[in-house]
């Protein structure tokens, strides 16, 4: 992880995501997951670009099964977008392009 992307677990979800004053992008990832590995540098780059405006978190899906199930996340990687503590309705999964991620983050902050 870096200064722009922080790994959290389900115990931190309410305080870091639902109570966040800024928009949040949550990346549910798995180990041994080529699409997750491909996404990581793109996620990092977009996180750096929007530093201070949007928080970027990663959650290990298998280690946080209850939260993944509660949010209906069944595959990795899955990006879930939040604004004002509410899911914004958009999700991204699988082979995620940096340009698509950037566009989604821009629409999240409006």
PDB file of N, CA and C in Angstrom:
ATOM      1  N   UNK A   1       0.846  -1.184   0.000  1.00  0.00           N
ATOM      2  CA  UNK A   1       0.000   0.000   0.000  1.00  0.00           C
ATOM      3  C   UNK A   1       0.896   1.255   0.000  1.00  0.00           C
ATOM      4  N   UNK A   2       0.248   2.373  -0.221  1.00  0.00           N
ATOM      5  CA  UNK A   2       1.007   3.623  -0.299  1.00  0.00           C
ATOM      6  C   UNK A   2       0.304   4.688   0.531  1.00  0.00           C
ATOM      7  N   UNK A   3       0.782   5.907   0.413  1.00  0.00           N
ATOM      8  CA  UNK A   3       0.119   6.996   1.135  1.00  0.00           C
ATOM      9  C   UNK A   3      -1.246   7.316   0.517  1.00  0.00           C
ATOM     10  N   UNK A   4      -1.491   6.853  -0.711  1.00  0.00           N
ATOM     11  CA  UNK A   4      -2.743   7.177  -1.406  1.00  0.00           C
ATOM     12  C   UNK A   4      -3.794   6.081  -1.282  1.00  0.00           C
ATOM     13  N   UNK A   5      -3.352   4.852  -1.032  1.00  0.00           N
ATOM     14  CA  UNK A   5      -4.274   3.715  -0.933  1.00  0.00           C
ATOM     15  C   UNK A   5      -4.013   3.027   0.397  1.00  0.00           C
ATOM     16  N   UNK A   6      -5.088   2.813   1.159  1.00  0.00           N
ATOM     17  CA  UNK A   6      -4.961   2.206   2.482  1.00  0.00           C
ATOM     18  C   UNK A   6      -5.801   0.931   2.513  1.00  0.00           C
ATOM     19  N   UNK A   7      -5.252  -0.121   3.118  1.00  0.00           N
ATOM     20  CA  UNK A   7      -6.032  -1.346   3.266  1.00  0.00           C
ATOM     21  C   UNK A   7      -6.784  -1.289   4.590  1.00  0.00           C
ATOM     22  N   UNK A   8      -8.071  -1.585   4.530  1.00  0.00           N
ATOM     23  CA  UNK A   8      -8.892  -1.629   5.736  1.00  0.00           C
ATOM     24  C   UNK A   8      -9.580  -2.988   5.815  1.00  0.00           C
ATOM     25  N   UNK A   9     -10.243  -3.261   6.942  1.00  0.00           N
ATOM     26  CA  UNK A   9     -11.041  -4.479   7.055  1.00  0.00           C
ATOM     27  C   UNK A   9     -12.454  -4.100   7.485  1.00  0.00           C
ATOM     28  N   UNK A  10     -13.309  -5.113   7.624  1.00  0.00           N
ATOM     29  CA  UNK A  10     -14.720  -4.812   7.874  1.00  0.00           C
ATOM     30  C   UNK A  10     -14.954  -4.079   9.185  1.00  0.00           C
ATOM     31  N   UNK A  11     -14.030  -4.217  10.146  1.00  0.00           N
ATOM     32  CA  UNK A  11     -14.209  -3.507  11.415  1.00  0.00           C
ATOM     33  C   UNK A  11     -14.048  -1.993  11.231  1.00  0.00           C
ATOM     34  N   UNK A  12     -13.373  -1.575  10.173  1.00  0.00           N
ATOM     35  CA  UNK A  12     -13.146  -0.147   9.919  1.00  0.00           C
ATOM     36  C   UNK A  12     -14.130   0.430   8.895  1.00  0.00           C
ATOM     37  N   UNK A  13     -14.951  -0.434   8.309  1.00  0.00           N
ATOM     38  CA  UNK A  13     -15.840  -0.020   7.218  1.00  0.00           C
ATOM     39  C   UNK A  13     -16.759   1.146   7.600  1.00  0.00           C
ATOM     40  N   UNK A  14     -17.444   1.036   8.733  1.00  0.00           N
ATOM     41  CA  UNK A  14     -18.384   2.098   9.124  1.00  0.00           C
ATOM     42  C   UNK A  14     -17.691   3.444   9.299  1.00  0.00           C
ATOM     43  N   UNK A  15     -16.545   3.438  10.012  1.00  0.00           N
ATOM     44  CA  UNK A  15     -15.878   4.708  10.291  1.00  0.00           C
ATOM     45  C   UNK A  15     -15.152   5.273   9.072  1.00  0.00           C
ATOM     46  N   UNK A  16     -14.539   4.417   8.256  1.00  0.00           N
ATOM     47  CA  UNK A  16     -13.735   4.895   7.126  1.00  0.00           C
ATOM     48  C   UNK A  16     -14.558   5.154   5.869  1.00  0.00           C
ATOM     49  N   UNK A  17     -15.642   4.394   5.689  1.00  0.00           N
ATOM     50  CA  UNK A  17     -16.419   4.502   4.448  1.00  0.00           C
ATOM     51  C   UNK A  17     -17.750   5.209   4.680  1.00  0.00           C
ATOM     52  N   UNK A  18     -18.562   4.680   5.580  1.00  0.00           N
ATOM     53  CA  UNK A  18     -19.905   5.241   5.773  1.00  0.00           C
ATOM     54  C   UNK A  18     -19.870   6.616   6.422  1.00  0.00           C
ATOM     55  N   UNK A  19     -18.891   6.856   7.289  1.00  0.00           N
ATOM     56  CA  UNK A  19     -18.819   8.141   7.988  1.00  0.00           C
ATOM     57  C   UNK A  19     -17.872   9.134   7.298  1.00  0.00           C
ATOM     58  N   UNK A  20     -17.352   8.762   6.136  1.00  0.00           N
ATOM     59  CA  UNK A  20     -16.372   9.615   5.454  1.00  0.00           C
ATOM     60  C   UNK A  20     -17.012  10.893   4.932  1.00  0.00           C
ATOM     61  N   UNK A  21     -16.313  12.008   5.120  1.00  0.00           N
ATOM     62  CA  UNK A  21     -16.790  13.297   4.614  1.00  0.00           C
ATOM     63  C   UNK A  21     -16.511  13.427   3.117  1.00  0.00           C
ATOM     64  N   UNK A  22     -15.519  12.678   2.642  1.00  0.00           N
ATOM     65  CA  UNK A  22     -15.175  12.723   1.221  1.00  0.00           C
ATOM     66  C   UNK A  22     -15.680  11.465   0.530  1.00  0.00           C
ATOM     67  N   UNK A  23     -15.840  11.508  -0.802  1.00  0.00           N
ATOM     68  CA  UNK A  23     -16.217  10.289  -1.530  1.00  0.00           C
ATOM     69  C   UNK A  23     -15.164   9.199  -1.331  1.00  0.00           C
ATOM     70  N   UNK A  24     -15.589   7.949  -1.460  1.00  0.00           N
ATOM     71  CA  UNK A  24     -14.721   6.799  -1.222  1.00  0.00           C
ATOM     72  C   UNK A  24     -14.841   5.811  -2.381  1.00  0.00           C
ATOM     73  N   UNK A  25     -13.691   5.256  -2.775  1.00  0.00           N
ATOM     74  CA  UNK A  25     -13.677   4.134  -3.713  1.00  0.00           C
ATOM     75  C   UNK A  25     -13.104   2.946  -2.951  1.00  0.00           C
ATOM     76  N   UNK A  26     -13.842   1.843  -2.976  1.00  0.00           N
ATOM     77  CA  UNK A  26     -13.477   0.644  -2.238  1.00  0.00           C
ATOM     78  C   UNK A  26     -13.150  -0.454  -3.237  1.00  0.00           C
ATOM     79  N   UNK A  27     -11.952  -1.016  -3.137  1.00  0.00           N
ATOM     80  CA  UNK A  27     -11.506  -2.078  -4.042  1.00  0.00           C
ATOM     81  C   UNK A  27     -11.489  -3.393  -3.280  1.00  0.00           C
ATOM     82  N   UNK A  28     -12.446  -4.292  -3.602  1.00  0.00           N
ATOM     83  CA  UNK A  28     -12.432  -5.641  -3.044  1.00  0.00           C
ATOM     84  C   UNK A  28     -11.502  -6.467  -3.924  1.00  0.00           C
ATOM     85  N   UNK A  29     -10.410  -6.978  -3.318  1.00  0.00           N
ATOM     86  CA  UNK A  29      -9.421  -7.721  -4.097  1.00  0.00           C
ATOM     87  C   UNK A  29      -9.191  -9.103  -3.517  1.00  0.00           C
ATOM     88  N   UNK A  30      -8.544  -9.948  -4.320  1.00  0.00           N
ATOM     89  CA  UNK A  30      -8.146 -11.288  -3.888  1.00  0.00           C
ATOM     90  C   UNK A  30      -6.671 -11.474  -4.203  1.00  0.00           C
ATOM     91  N   UNK A  31      -6.061 -12.442  -3.525  1.00  0.00           N
ATOM     92  CA  UNK A  31      -4.695 -12.811  -3.885  1.00  0.00           C
ATOM     93  C   UNK A  31      -4.783 -13.826  -5.028  1.00  0.00           C
ATOM     94  N   UNK A  32      -3.685 -14.041  -5.721  1.00  0.00           N
ATOM     95  CA  UNK A  32      -3.657 -14.976  -6.859  1.00  0.00           C
ATOM     96  C   UNK A  32      -4.742 -14.590  -7.876  1.00  0.00           C
ATOM     97  N   UNK A  33      -4.875 -13.301  -8.137  1.00  0.00           N
ATOM     98  CA  UNK A  33      -5.944 -12.788  -9.002  1.00  0.00           C
ATOM     99  C   UNK A  33      -5.316 -11.870 -10.053  1.00  0.00           C
ATOM    100  N   UNK A  34      -5.053 -12.386 -11.269  1.00  0.00           N
ATOM    101  CA  UNK A  34      -4.422 -11.552 -12.297  1.00  0.00           C
ATOM    102  C   UNK A  34      -5.134 -10.219 -12.569  1.00  0.00           C
ATOM    103  N   UNK A  35      -6.490 -10.180 -12.661  1.00  0.00           N
ATOM    104  CA  UNK A  35      -7.127  -8.873 -12.872  1.00  0.00           C
ATOM    105  C   UNK A  35      -6.904  -7.910 -11.700  1.00  0.00           C
ATOM    106  N   UNK A  36      -6.806  -8.452 -10.473  1.00  0.00           N
ATOM    107  CA  UNK A  36      -6.526  -7.605  -9.298  1.00  0.00           C
ATOM    108  C   UNK A  36      -5.117  -7.027  -9.399  1.00  0.00           C
ATOM    109  N   UNK A  37      -4.173  -7.867  -9.805  1.00  0.00           N
ATOM    110  CA  UNK A  37      -2.794  -7.417  -9.942  1.00  0.00           C
ATOM    111  C   UNK A  37      -2.669  -6.380 -11.051  1.00  0.00           C
ATOM    112  N   UNK A  38      -3.435  -6.556 -12.137  1.00  0.00           N
ATOM    113  CA  UNK A  38      -3.409  -5.602 -13.253  1.00  0.00           C
ATOM    114  C   UNK A  38      -4.016  -4.267 -12.836  1.00  0.00           C
ATOM    115  N   UNK A  39      -5.034  -4.312 -11.969  1.00  0.00           N
ATOM    116  CA  UNK A  39      -5.714  -3.094 -11.525  1.00  0.00           C
ATOM    117  C   UNK A  39      -4.863  -2.276 -10.556  1.00  0.00           C
ATOM    118  N   UNK A  40      -4.071  -2.938  -9.719  1.00  0.00           N
ATOM    119  CA  UNK A  40      -3.361  -2.262  -8.626  1.00  0.00           C
ATOM    120  C   UNK A  40      -2.601  -0.994  -9.037  1.00  0.00           C
ATOM    121  N   UNK A  41      -1.738  -1.029 -10.071  1.00  0.00           N
ATOM    122  CA  UNK A  41      -1.018   0.214 -10.416  1.00  0.00           C
ATOM    123  C   UNK A  41      -1.933   1.307 -10.971  1.00  0.00           C
ATOM    124  N   UNK A  42      -3.003   0.917 -11.665  1.00  0.00           N
ATOM    125  CA  UNK A  42      -3.959   1.910 -12.194  1.00  0.00           C
ATOM    126  C   UNK A  42      -4.720   2.558 -11.043  1.00  0.00           C
ATOM    127  N   UNK A  43      -5.138   1.727 -10.091  1.00  0.00           N
ATOM    128  CA  UNK A  43      -5.868   2.215  -8.912  1.00  0.00           C
ATOM    129  C   UNK A  43      -4.996   3.194  -8.134  1.00  0.00           C
ATOM    130  N   UNK A  44      -3.735   2.813  -7.976  1.00  0.00           N
ATOM    131  CA  UNK A  44      -2.745   3.643  -7.279  1.00  0.00           C
ATOM    132  C   UNK A  44      -2.581   4.994  -7.983  1.00  0.00           C
ATOM    133  N   UNK A  45      -2.456   4.967  -9.305  1.00  0.00           N
ATOM    134  CA  UNK A  45      -2.243   6.195 -10.081  1.00  0.00           C
ATOM    135  C   UNK A  45      -3.440   7.131  -9.988  1.00  0.00           C
ATOM    136  N   UNK A  46      -4.645   6.577 -10.074  1.00  0.00           N
ATOM    137  CA  UNK A  46      -5.853   7.400  -9.979  1.00  0.00           C
ATOM    138  C   UNK A  46      -6.003   7.929  -8.552  1.00  0.00           C
ATOM    139  N   UNK A  47      -5.661   7.112  -7.561  1.00  0.00           N
ATOM    140  CA  UNK A  47      -5.709   7.549  -6.158  1.00  0.00           C
ATOM    141  C   UNK A  47      -4.779   8.740  -5.944  1.00  0.00           C
ATOM    142  N   UNK A  48      -3.592   8.678  -6.542  1.00  0.00           N
ATOM    143  CA  UNK A  48      -2.636   9.773  -6.408  1.00  0.00           C
ATOM    144  C   UNK A  48      -3.179  11.038  -7.072  1.00  0.00           C
ATOM    145  N   UNK A  49      -3.813  10.862  -8.224  1.00  0.00           N
ATOM    146  CA  UNK A  49      -4.362  11.996  -8.974  1.00  0.00           C
ATOM    147  C   UNK A  49      -5.472  12.719  -8.197  1.00  0.00           C
ATOM    148  N   UNK A  50      -6.270  11.967  -7.446  1.00  0.00           N
ATOM    149  CA  UNK A  50      -7.400  12.562  -6.724  1.00  0.00           C
ATOM    150  C   UNK A  50      -7.146  12.667  -5.219  1.00  0.00           C
ATOM    151  N   UNK A  51      -5.867  12.627  -4.827  1.00  0.00           N
ATOM    152  CA  UNK A  51      -5.500  12.714  -3.410  1.00  0.00           C
ATOM    153  C   UNK A  51      -6.110  13.967  -2.789  1.00  0.00           C
ATOM    154  N   UNK A  52      -6.717  13.787  -1.607  1.00  0.00           N
ATOM    155  CA  UNK A  52      -7.327  14.915  -0.910  1.00  0.00           C
ATOM    156  C   UNK A  52      -8.785  15.125  -1.276  1.00  0.00           C
ATOM    157  N   UNK A  53      -9.211  14.592  -2.421  1.00  0.00           N
ATOM    158  CA  UNK A  53     -10.608  14.763  -2.866  1.00  0.00           C
ATOM    159  C   UNK A  53     -11.425  13.492  -2.672  1.00  0.00           C
ATOM    160  N   UNK A  54     -10.757  12.344  -2.811  1.00  0.00           N
ATOM    161  CA  UNK A  54     -11.423  11.043  -2.728  1.00  0.00           C
ATOM    162  C   UNK A  54     -10.506  10.108  -1.943  1.00  0.00           C
ATOM    163  N   UNK A  55     -11.116   9.256  -1.097  1.00  0.00           N
ATOM    164  CA  UNK A  55     -10.324   8.261  -0.367  1.00  0.00           C
ATOM    165  C   UNK A  55     -10.390   6.933  -1.124  1.00  0.00           C
ATOM    166  N   UNK A  56      -9.256   6.272  -1.211  1.00  0.00           N
ATOM    167  CA  UNK A  56      -9.156   4.989  -1.906  1.00  0.00           C
ATOM    168  C   UNK A  56      -8.737   3.915  -0.907  1.00  0.00           C
ATOM    169  N   UNK A  57      -9.585   2.883  -0.781  1.00  0.00           N
ATOM    170  CA  UNK A  57      -9.317   1.793   0.146  1.00  0.00           C
ATOM    171  C   UNK A  57      -9.336   0.462  -0.587  1.00  0.00           C
ATOM    172  N   UNK A  58      -8.613  -0.495  -0.021  1.00  0.00           N
ATOM    173  CA  UNK A  58      -8.647  -1.869  -0.506  1.00  0.00           C
ATOM    174  C   UNK A  58      -9.114  -2.754   0.640  1.00  0.00           C
ATOM    175  N   UNK A  59      -9.921  -3.750   0.303  1.00  0.00           N
ATOM    176  CA  UNK A  59     -10.386  -4.732   1.288  1.00  0.00           C
ATOM    177  C   UNK A  59     -10.150  -6.120   0.704  1.00  0.00           C
ATOM    178  N   UNK A  60      -9.465  -6.958   1.476  1.00  0.00           N
ATOM    179  CA  UNK A  60      -9.218  -8.343   1.064  1.00  0.00           C
ATOM    180  C   UNK A  60     -10.539  -9.098   1.173  1.00  0.00           C
ATOM    181  N   UNK A  61     -11.084  -9.493   0.010  1.00  0.00           N
ATOM    182  CA  UNK A  61     -12.447 -10.047  -0.023  1.00  0.00           C
ATOM    183  C   UNK A  61     -12.595 -11.312   0.817  1.00  0.00           C
ATOM    184  N   UNK A  62     -11.670 -12.276   0.676  1.00  0.00           N
ATOM    185  CA  UNK A  62     -11.805 -13.531   1.419  1.00  0.00           C
ATOM    186  C   UNK A  62     -11.649 -13.342   2.918  1.00  0.00           C
ATOM    187  N   UNK A  63     -10.924 -12.313   3.330  1.00  0.00           N
ATOM    188  CA  UNK A  63     -10.731 -12.054   4.752  1.00  0.00           C
ATOM    189  C   UNK A  63     -11.858 -11.250   5.367  1.00  0.00           C
ATOM    190  N   UNK A  64     -12.771 -10.778   4.525  1.00  0.00           N
ATOM    191  CA  UNK A  64     -13.882  -9.936   4.989  1.00  0.00           C
ATOM    192  C   UNK A  64     -15.181 -10.388   4.317  1.00  0.00           C
ATOM    193  N   UNK A  65     -15.413 -11.698   4.423  1.00  0.00           N
ATOM    194  CA  UNK A  65     -16.551 -12.316   3.732  1.00  0.00           C
ATOM    195  C   UNK A  65     -17.911 -11.731   4.151  1.00  0.00           C
ATOM    196  N   UNK A  66     -18.059 -11.427   5.432  1.00  0.00           N
ATOM    197  CA  UNK A  66     -19.344 -10.898   5.910  1.00  0.00           C
ATOM    198  C   UNK A  66     -19.664  -9.578   5.226  1.00  0.00           C
ATOM    199  N   UNK A  67     -18.680  -8.694   5.157  1.00  0.00           N
ATOM    200  CA  UNK A  67     -18.889  -7.402   4.518  1.00  0.00           C
ATOM    201  C   UNK A  67     -19.133  -7.575   3.021  1.00  0.00           C
ATOM    202  N   UNK A  68     -18.336  -8.427   2.371  1.00  0.00           N
ATOM    203  CA  UNK A  68     -18.515  -8.671   0.937  1.00  0.00           C
ATOM    204  C   UNK A  68     -19.931  -9.185   0.666  1.00  0.00           C
ATOM    205  N   UNK A  69     -20.397 -10.116   1.498  1.00  0.00           N
ATOM    206  CA  UNK A  69     -21.741 -10.664   1.331  1.00  0.00           C
ATOM    207  C   UNK A  69     -22.799  -9.588   1.564  1.00  0.00           C
ATOM    208  N   UNK A  70     -22.586  -8.764   2.588  1.00  0.00           N
ATOM    209  CA  UNK A  70     -23.534  -7.691   2.906  1.00  0.00           C
ATOM    210  C   UNK A  70     -23.671  -6.710   1.736  1.00  0.00           C
ATOM    211  N   UNK A  71     -22.551  -6.470   1.043  1.00  0.00           N
ATOM    212  CA  UNK A  71     -22.572  -5.540  -0.087  1.00  0.00           C
ATOM    213  C   UNK A  71     -22.839  -6.243  -1.417  1.00  0.00           C
ATOM    214  N   UNK A  72     -22.985  -7.568  -1.369  1.00  0.00           N
ATOM    215  CA  UNK A  72     -23.264  -8.302  -2.597  1.00  0.00           C
ATOM    216  C   UNK A  72     -22.079  -8.392  -3.539  1.00  0.00           C
ATOM    217  N   UNK A  73     -20.873  -8.362  -2.967  1.00  0.00           N
ATOM    218  CA  UNK A  73     -19.659  -8.476  -3.782  1.00  0.00           C
ATOM    219  C   UNK A  73     -19.277  -9.945  -3.848  1.00  0.00           C
ATOM    220  N   UNK A  74     -19.260 -10.509  -5.064  1.00  0.00           N
ATOM    221  CA  UNK A  74     -18.970 -11.938  -5.203  1.00  0.00           C
ATOM    222  C   UNK A  74     -17.746 -12.223  -6.064  1.00  0.00           C
ATOM    223  N   UNK A  75     -17.141 -11.196  -6.654  1.00  0.00           N
ATOM    224  CA  UNK A  75     -15.963 -11.418  -7.483  1.00  0.00           C
ATOM    225  C   UNK A  75     -14.900 -10.375  -7.226  1.00  0.00           C
ATOM    226  N   UNK A  76     -13.690 -10.679  -7.692  1.00  0.00           N
ATOM    227  CA  UNK A  76     -12.581  -9.744  -7.534  1.00  0.00           C
ATOM    228  C   UNK A  76     -11.942  -9.476  -8.893  1.00  0.00           C
ATOM    229  N   UNK A  77     -11.469  -8.268  -9.128  1.00  0.00           N
ATOM    230  CA  UNK A  77     -11.700  -7.096  -8.279  1.00  0.00           C
ATOM    231  C   UNK A  77     -13.092  -6.524  -8.500  1.00  0.00           C
ATOM    232  N   UNK A  78     -13.644  -5.942  -7.453  1.00  0.00           N
ATOM    233  CA  UNK A  78     -14.892  -5.182  -7.558  1.00  0.00           C
ATOM    234  C   UNK A  78     -14.651  -3.830  -6.901  1.00  0.00           C
ATOM    235  N   UNK A  79     -14.923  -2.766  -7.643  1.00  0.00           N
ATOM    236  CA  UNK A  79     -14.827  -1.411  -7.097  1.00  0.00           C
ATOM    237  C   UNK A  79     -16.227  -0.929  -6.772  1.00  0.00           C
ATOM    238  N   UNK A  80     -16.403  -0.421  -5.547  1.00  0.00           N
ATOM    239  CA  UNK A  80     -17.681   0.108  -5.098  1.00  0.00           C
ATOM    240  C   UNK A  80     -17.450   1.577  -4.744  1.00  0.00           C
ATOM    241  N   UNK A  81     -18.322   2.445  -5.240  1.00  0.00           N
ATOM    242  CA  UNK A  81     -18.166   3.889  -5.061  1.00  0.00           C
ATOM    243  C   UNK A  81     -19.174   4.407  -4.040  1.00  0.00           C
ATOM    244  N   UNK A  82     -18.710   5.275  -3.131  1.00  0.00           N
ATOM    245  CA  UNK A  82     -19.563   5.826  -2.083  1.00  0.00           C
ATOM    246  C   UNK A  82     -19.471   7.337  -2.057  1.00  0.00           C
ATOM    247  N   UNK A  83     -20.618   7.976  -1.771  1.00  0.00           N
ATOM    248  CA  UNK A  83     -20.645   9.420  -1.576  1.00  0.00           C
ATOM    249  C   UNK A  83     -21.609   9.701  -0.430  1.00  0.00           C
ATOM    250  N   UNK A  84     -21.171  10.515   0.520  1.00  0.00           N
ATOM    251  CA  UNK A  84     -21.983  10.836   1.698  1.00  0.00           C
ATOM    252  C   UNK A  84     -22.458   9.584   2.428  1.00  0.00           C
ATOM    253  N   UNK A  85     -21.595   8.577   2.502  1.00  0.00           N
ATOM    254  CA  UNK A  85     -21.924   7.354   3.232  1.00  0.00           C
ATOM    255  C   UNK A  85     -22.873   6.413   2.519  1.00  0.00           C
ATOM    256  N   UNK A  86     -23.231   6.742   1.283  1.00  0.00           N
ATOM    257  CA  UNK A  86     -24.159   5.901   0.515  1.00  0.00           C
ATOM    258  C   UNK A  86     -23.453   5.372  -0.728  1.00  0.00           C
ATOM    259  N   UNK A  87     -23.764   4.134  -1.110  1.00  0.00           N
ATOM    260  CA  UNK A  87     -23.202   3.627  -2.356  1.00  0.00           C
ATOM    261  C   UNK A  87     -23.784   4.438  -3.504  1.00  0.00           C
ATOM    262  N   UNK A  88     -22.927   4.859  -4.420  1.00  0.00           N
ATOM    263  CA  UNK A  88     -23.368   5.751  -5.505  1.00  0.00           C
ATOM    264  C   UNK A  88     -24.075   5.009  -6.629  1.00  0.00           C
ATOM    265  N   UNK A  89     -24.154   3.692  -6.533  1.00  0.00           N
ATOM    266  CA  UNK A  89     -24.890   2.945  -7.546  1.00  0.00           C
ATOM    267  C   UNK A  89     -24.021   2.347  -8.630  1.00  0.00           C
ATOM    268  N   UNK A  90     -22.835   2.920  -8.850  1.00  0.00           N
ATOM    269  CA  UNK A  90     -21.968   2.383  -9.884  1.00  0.00           C
ATOM    270  C   UNK A  90     -20.961   1.413  -9.288  1.00  0.00           C
ATOM    271  N   UNK A  91     -20.722   0.324 -10.014  1.00  0.00           N
ATOM    272  CA  UNK A  91     -19.685  -0.633  -9.631  1.00  0.00           C
ATOM    273  C   UNK A  91     -18.881  -0.997 -10.867  1.00  0.00           C
ATOM    274  N   UNK A  92     -17.639  -1.378 -10.635  1.00  0.00           N
ATOM    275  CA  UNK A  92     -16.791  -1.848 -11.731  1.00  0.00           C
ATOM    276  C   UNK A  92     -16.199  -3.181 -11.302  1.00  0.00           C
ATOM    277  N   UNK A  93     -16.139  -4.129 -12.241  1.00  0.00           N
ATOM    278  CA  UNK A  93     -15.566  -5.439 -11.931  1.00  0.00           C
ATOM    279  C   UNK A  93     -14.700  -5.919 -13.084  1.00  0.00           C
ATOM    280  N   UNK A  94     -13.829  -6.882 -12.767  1.00  0.00           N
ATOM    281  CA  UNK A  94     -13.040  -7.538 -13.808  1.00  0.00           C
ATOM    282  C   UNK A  94     -11.902  -6.691 -14.339  1.00  0.00           C
ATOM    283  N   UNK A  95     -11.787  -6.657 -15.660  1.00  0.00           N
ATOM    284  CA  UNK A  95     -10.696  -5.943 -16.330  1.00  0.00           C
ATOM    285  C   UNK A  95     -11.047  -4.464 -16.415  1.00  0.00           C
ATOM    286  N   UNK A  96     -10.548  -3.691 -15.469  1.00  0.00           N
ATOM    287  CA  UNK A  96     -10.918  -2.278 -15.349  1.00  0.00           C
ATOM    288  C   UNK A  96      -9.836  -1.408 -15.973  1.00  0.00           C
ATOM    289  N   UNK A  97     -10.243  -0.549 -16.890  1.00  0.00           N
ATOM    290  CA  UNK A  97      -9.297   0.354 -17.552  1.00  0.00           C
ATOM    291  C   UNK A  97      -9.130   1.627 -16.727  1.00  0.00           C
ATOM    292  N   UNK A  98      -7.902   2.153 -16.759  1.00  0.00           N
ATOM    293  CA  UNK A  98      -7.595   3.364 -15.990  1.00  0.00           C
ATOM    294  C   UNK A  98      -8.483   4.536 -16.403  1.00  0.00           C
ATOM    295  N   UNK A  99      -8.724   4.680 -17.709  1.00  0.00           N
ATOM    296  CA  UNK A  99      -9.556   5.794 -18.189  1.00  0.00           C
ATOM    297  C   UNK A  99     -10.988   5.672 -17.665  1.00  0.00           C
ATOM    298  N   UNK A 100     -11.509   4.445 -17.606  1.00  0.00           N
ATOM    299  CA  UNK A 100     -12.874   4.232 -17.088  1.00  0.00           C
ATOM    300  C   UNK A 100     -12.930   4.540 -15.593  1.00  0.00           C
ATOM    301  N   UNK A 101     -11.905   4.116 -14.873  1.00  0.00           N
ATOM    302  CA  UNK A 101     -11.850   4.376 -13.430  1.00  0.00           C
ATOM    303  C   UNK A 101     -11.796   5.883 -13.181  1.00  0.00           C
ATOM    304  N   UNK A 102     -10.957   6.579 -13.928  1.00  0.00           N
ATOM    305  CA  UNK A 102     -10.808   8.028 -13.769  1.00  0.00           C
ATOM    306  C   UNK A 102     -12.141   8.732 -14.039  1.00  0.00           C
ATOM    307  N   UNK A 103     -12.837   8.299 -15.087  1.00  0.00           N
ATOM    308  CA  UNK A 103     -14.129   8.891 -15.447  1.00  0.00           C
ATOM    309  C   UNK A 103     -15.155   8.661 -14.329  1.00  0.00           C
ATOM    310  N   UNK A 104     -15.158   7.466 -13.758  1.00  0.00           N
ATOM    311  CA  UNK A 104     -16.080   7.151 -12.670  1.00  0.00           C
ATOM    312  C   UNK A 104     -15.795   7.999 -11.433  1.00  0.00           C
ATOM    313  N   UNK A 105     -14.508   8.199 -11.136  1.00  0.00           N
ATOM    314  CA  UNK A 105     -14.139   9.012  -9.968  1.00  0.00           C
ATOM    315  C   UNK A 105     -14.525  10.474 -10.215  1.00  0.00           C
ATOM    316  N   UNK A 106     -14.328  10.959 -11.436  1.00  0.00           N
ATOM    317  CA  UNK A 106     -14.717  12.335 -11.755  1.00  0.00           C
ATOM    318  C   UNK A 106     -16.220  12.539 -11.607  1.00  0.00           C
ATOM    319  N   UNK A 107     -17.000  11.560 -12.038  1.00  0.00           N
ATOM    320  CA  UNK A 107     -18.458  11.704 -11.892  1.00  0.00           C
ATOM    321  C   UNK A 107     -18.886  11.585 -10.433  1.00  0.00           C
ATOM    322  N   UNK A 108     -18.113  10.827  -9.646  1.00  0.00           N
ATOM    323  CA  UNK A 108     -18.390  10.693  -8.211  1.00  0.00           C
ATOM    324  C   UNK A 108     -18.228  12.039  -7.491  1.00  0.00           C
ATOM    325  N   UNK A 109     -17.193  12.782  -7.858  1.00  0.00           N
ATOM    326  CA  UNK A 109     -16.981  14.060  -7.173  1.00  0.00           C
ATOM    327  C   UNK A 109     -17.776  15.193  -7.823  1.00  0.00           C
ATOM    328  N   UNK A 110     -18.293  14.944  -9.035  1.00  0.00           N
ATOM    329  CA  UNK A 110     -19.207  15.898  -9.676  1.00  0.00           C
ATOM    330  C   UNK A 110     -18.553  17.121 -10.271  1.00  0.00           C
TER     331      UNK A 110
END
